[in-house]
Amino acid sequence: MVNHQLCGRNMLTPKIIYKLESDLKAEIVRLAPYVRNVQKIRSQCTKAKVQGRSLGFLPQVEYEALKRAREAHASVEGQERYKRRAGIEGTISQGVRGFGLRRSRYRGLAKTHLQNLAIAAAINIDRLFNWFCCVPRAKTRISRFTALADS
């Protein structure tokens, strides 16, 4: 589906609707080809040298849902929820990487549940052992770019 709308310089721009991977329809707006060749107007619309600007817009319902979710995460309650989640993510990561939490050795819900309980006990024993031996907990990894910016 292609129709037209006006860009900031009152030039007609084709409005193309693509289907994204997430099965949401997003409108992708691209600068019209005949505007791409006019450098003076093009430089006021985009900084790109070869292609024009393209913008993606979610449908109104999806955009508003995403906006509400972002506002909820930005609130104080959302920050507290995320702190709890971050602690749980570390425990799950330790279980997956160190104790084989991702795979079950057994068939059936009861045996798999028993295996998960054993893995949880092993994680607790490992943490107690490290605490008694005064092994410091690992710090969050700092990327090379962040380390470079800090120095």
Protein backbone atom coordinates (compact mmCIF):
# COMPACT_ATOMS: atom_id res chain seq x y z
CA MET A 1 0.00 0.00 0.00
CA VAL A 2 1.56 3.29 -1.07
CA ASN A 3 0.11 6.74 -0.59
CA HIS A 4 1.72 10.14 -0.08
CA GLN A 5 2.23 12.60 2.73
CA LEU A 6 4.12 15.86 3.08
CA CYS A 7 7.58 15.97 4.66
CA GLY A 8 8.87 18.92 6.69
CA ARG A 9 9.79 20.80 3.49
CA ASN A 10 6.30 20.30 1.96
CA MET A 11 7.62 17.73 -0.52
CA LEU A 12 5.50 14.72 -1.36
CA THR A 13 6.93 11.59 0.21
CA PRO A 14 5.79 8.06 -0.52
CA LYS A 15 4.36 6.34 2.53
CA ILE A 16 5.03 2.61 2.32
CA ILE A 17 3.61 0.06 4.74
CA TYR A 18 5.83 -2.95 5.44
CA LYS A 19 5.12 -5.95 7.59
CA LEU A 20 7.77 -6.42 10.26
CA GLU A 21 8.98 -9.70 11.79
CA SER A 22 6.86 -9.22 14.89
CA ASP A 23 3.70 -9.34 12.75
CA LEU A 24 2.95 -5.69 13.48
CA LYS A 25 2.25 -3.37 10.61
CA ALA A 26 4.58 -0.42 10.71
CA GLU A 27 4.53 2.51 8.36
CA ILE A 28 7.91 3.23 6.84
CA VAL A 29 8.12 6.74 5.40
CA ARG A 30 10.92 7.39 2.90
CA LEU A 31 12.10 10.58 1.25
CA ALA A 32 10.88 10.75 -2.36
CA PRO A 33 13.51 9.90 -5.04
CA TYR A 34 13.20 13.22 -6.86
CA VAL A 35 13.95 15.04 -3.59
CA ARG A 36 17.05 12.90 -3.00
CA ASN A 37 18.81 14.50 -5.96
CA VAL A 38 18.30 18.08 -4.82
CA GLN A 39 21.17 18.62 -2.36
CA LYS A 40 19.91 21.85 -0.80
CA ILE A 41 16.52 20.43 0.17
CA ARG A 42 17.99 17.01 0.93
CA SER A 43 20.49 18.45 3.41
CA GLN A 44 17.61 20.01 5.36
CA CYS A 45 15.73 16.69 5.52
CA THR A 46 18.51 14.17 6.13
CA LYS A 47 22.25 13.80 6.71
CA ALA A 48 22.50 10.60 4.66
CA LYS A 49 24.74 10.76 1.58
CA VAL A 50 23.21 7.96 -0.54
CA GLN A 51 19.77 7.09 0.76
CA GLY A 52 17.08 9.32 2.09
CA ARG A 53 15.68 9.33 5.57
CA SER A 54 13.30 6.56 6.53
CA LEU A 55 11.15 6.61 9.62
CA GLY A 56 9.10 3.78 11.09
CA PHE A 57 5.79 4.35 12.85
CA LEU A 58 3.84 1.73 14.76
CA PRO A 59 0.06 1.70 14.51
CA GLN A 60 -1.61 3.93 17.12
CA VAL A 61 -2.77 1.09 19.40
CA GLU A 62 0.67 -0.56 19.56
CA TYR A 63 2.38 2.80 20.01
CA GLU A 64 0.17 3.75 22.95
CA ALA A 65 0.70 0.33 24.59
CA LEU A 66 4.46 0.71 24.22
CA LYS A 67 4.30 4.24 25.62
CA ARG A 68 2.31 3.07 28.68
CA ALA A 69 4.80 0.23 29.27
CA ARG A 70 7.75 2.62 29.09
CA GLU A 71 6.06 5.02 31.52
CA ALA A 72 5.37 2.14 33.92
CA HIS A 73 9.03 1.06 33.79
CA ALA A 74 10.20 4.64 34.36
CA SER A 75 8.12 5.03 37.53
CA VAL A 76 9.47 4.30 41.02
CA GLU A 77 7.40 1.10 41.25
CA GLY A 78 8.73 -0.02 37.87
CA GLN A 79 12.32 0.55 39.01
CA GLU A 80 11.68 -1.55 42.13
CA ARG A 81 10.19 -4.35 40.03
CA TYR A 82 13.20 -4.25 37.74
CA LYS A 83 15.61 -4.46 40.69
CA ARG A 84 13.90 -7.66 41.82
CA ARG A 85 14.00 -9.02 38.29
CA ALA A 86 17.72 -8.22 37.94
CA GLY A 87 18.51 -10.27 41.05
CA ILE A 88 16.46 -13.21 39.83
CA GLU A 89 18.09 -13.01 36.37
CA GLY A 90 21.50 -13.49 37.98
CA THR A 91 20.33 -16.59 39.83
CA ILE A 92 18.77 -18.07 36.70
CA SER A 93 21.94 -17.32 34.74
CA GLN A 94 24.05 -19.07 37.36
CA GLY A 95 21.74 -22.08 37.25
CA VAL A 96 21.85 -22.29 33.46
CA ARG A 97 25.58 -21.71 33.05
CA GLY A 98 26.91 -23.64 36.01
CA PHE A 99 24.35 -26.27 36.91
CA GLY A 100 22.57 -27.35 33.72
CA LEU A 101 19.21 -25.76 34.51
CA ARG A 102 18.21 -25.51 30.85
CA ARG A 103 18.04 -29.28 30.25
CA SER A 104 16.18 -31.96 32.12
CA ARG A 105 17.69 -35.41 32.60
CA TYR A 106 14.32 -36.96 33.28
CA ARG A 107 10.89 -37.33 31.74
CA GLY A 108 7.84 -36.24 33.64
CA LEU A 109 6.92 -33.22 35.62
CA ALA A 110 7.59 -34.71 39.06
CA LYS A 111 11.15 -35.83 38.26
CA THR A 112 11.94 -32.59 36.45
CA HIS A 113 10.66 -30.65 39.47
CA LEU A 114 12.88 -32.73 41.73
CA GLN A 115 15.87 -31.99 39.50
CA ASN A 116 15.11 -28.25 39.65
CA LEU A 117 14.92 -28.41 43.45
CA ALA A 118 18.29 -30.19 43.53
CA ILE A 119 19.81 -27.52 41.27
CA ALA A 120 18.42 -24.77 43.54
CA ALA A 121 19.96 -26.50 46.56
CA ALA A 122 23.29 -26.82 44.72
CA ILE A 123 23.24 -23.09 43.89
CA ASN A 124 22.58 -22.28 47.57
CA ILE A 125 25.38 -24.61 48.72
CA ASP A 126 27.76 -23.07 46.17
CA ARG A 127 26.92 -19.57 47.37
CA LEU A 128 27.32 -20.57 51.04
CA PHE A 129 30.69 -22.19 50.28
CA ASN A 130 31.89 -19.06 48.49
CA TRP A 131 30.63 -16.90 51.36
CA PHE A 132 32.46 -19.01 53.99
CA CYS A 133 35.66 -18.91 51.88
CA CYS A 134 35.35 -15.11 51.49
CA VAL A 135 35.21 -15.35 47.70
CA PRO A 136 33.98 -11.96 46.46
CA ARG A 137 30.96 -11.89 44.22
CA ALA A 138 31.63 -11.04 40.59
CA LYS A 139 31.01 -7.47 39.59
CA THR A 140 28.98 -6.52 36.58
CA ARG A 141 31.06 -6.68 33.43
CA ILE A 142 32.10 -3.30 32.08
CA SER A 143 32.30 -3.07 28.30
CA ARG A 144 35.51 -1.85 26.67
CA PHE A 145 33.70 1.23 25.39
CA THR A 146 32.46 2.16 28.88
CA ALA A 147 35.93 1.56 30.37
CA LEU A 148 37.44 3.77 27.68
CA ALA A 149 34.92 6.53 28.40
CA ASP A 150 35.63 6.37 32.16
CA SER A 151 39.39 6.77 31.76
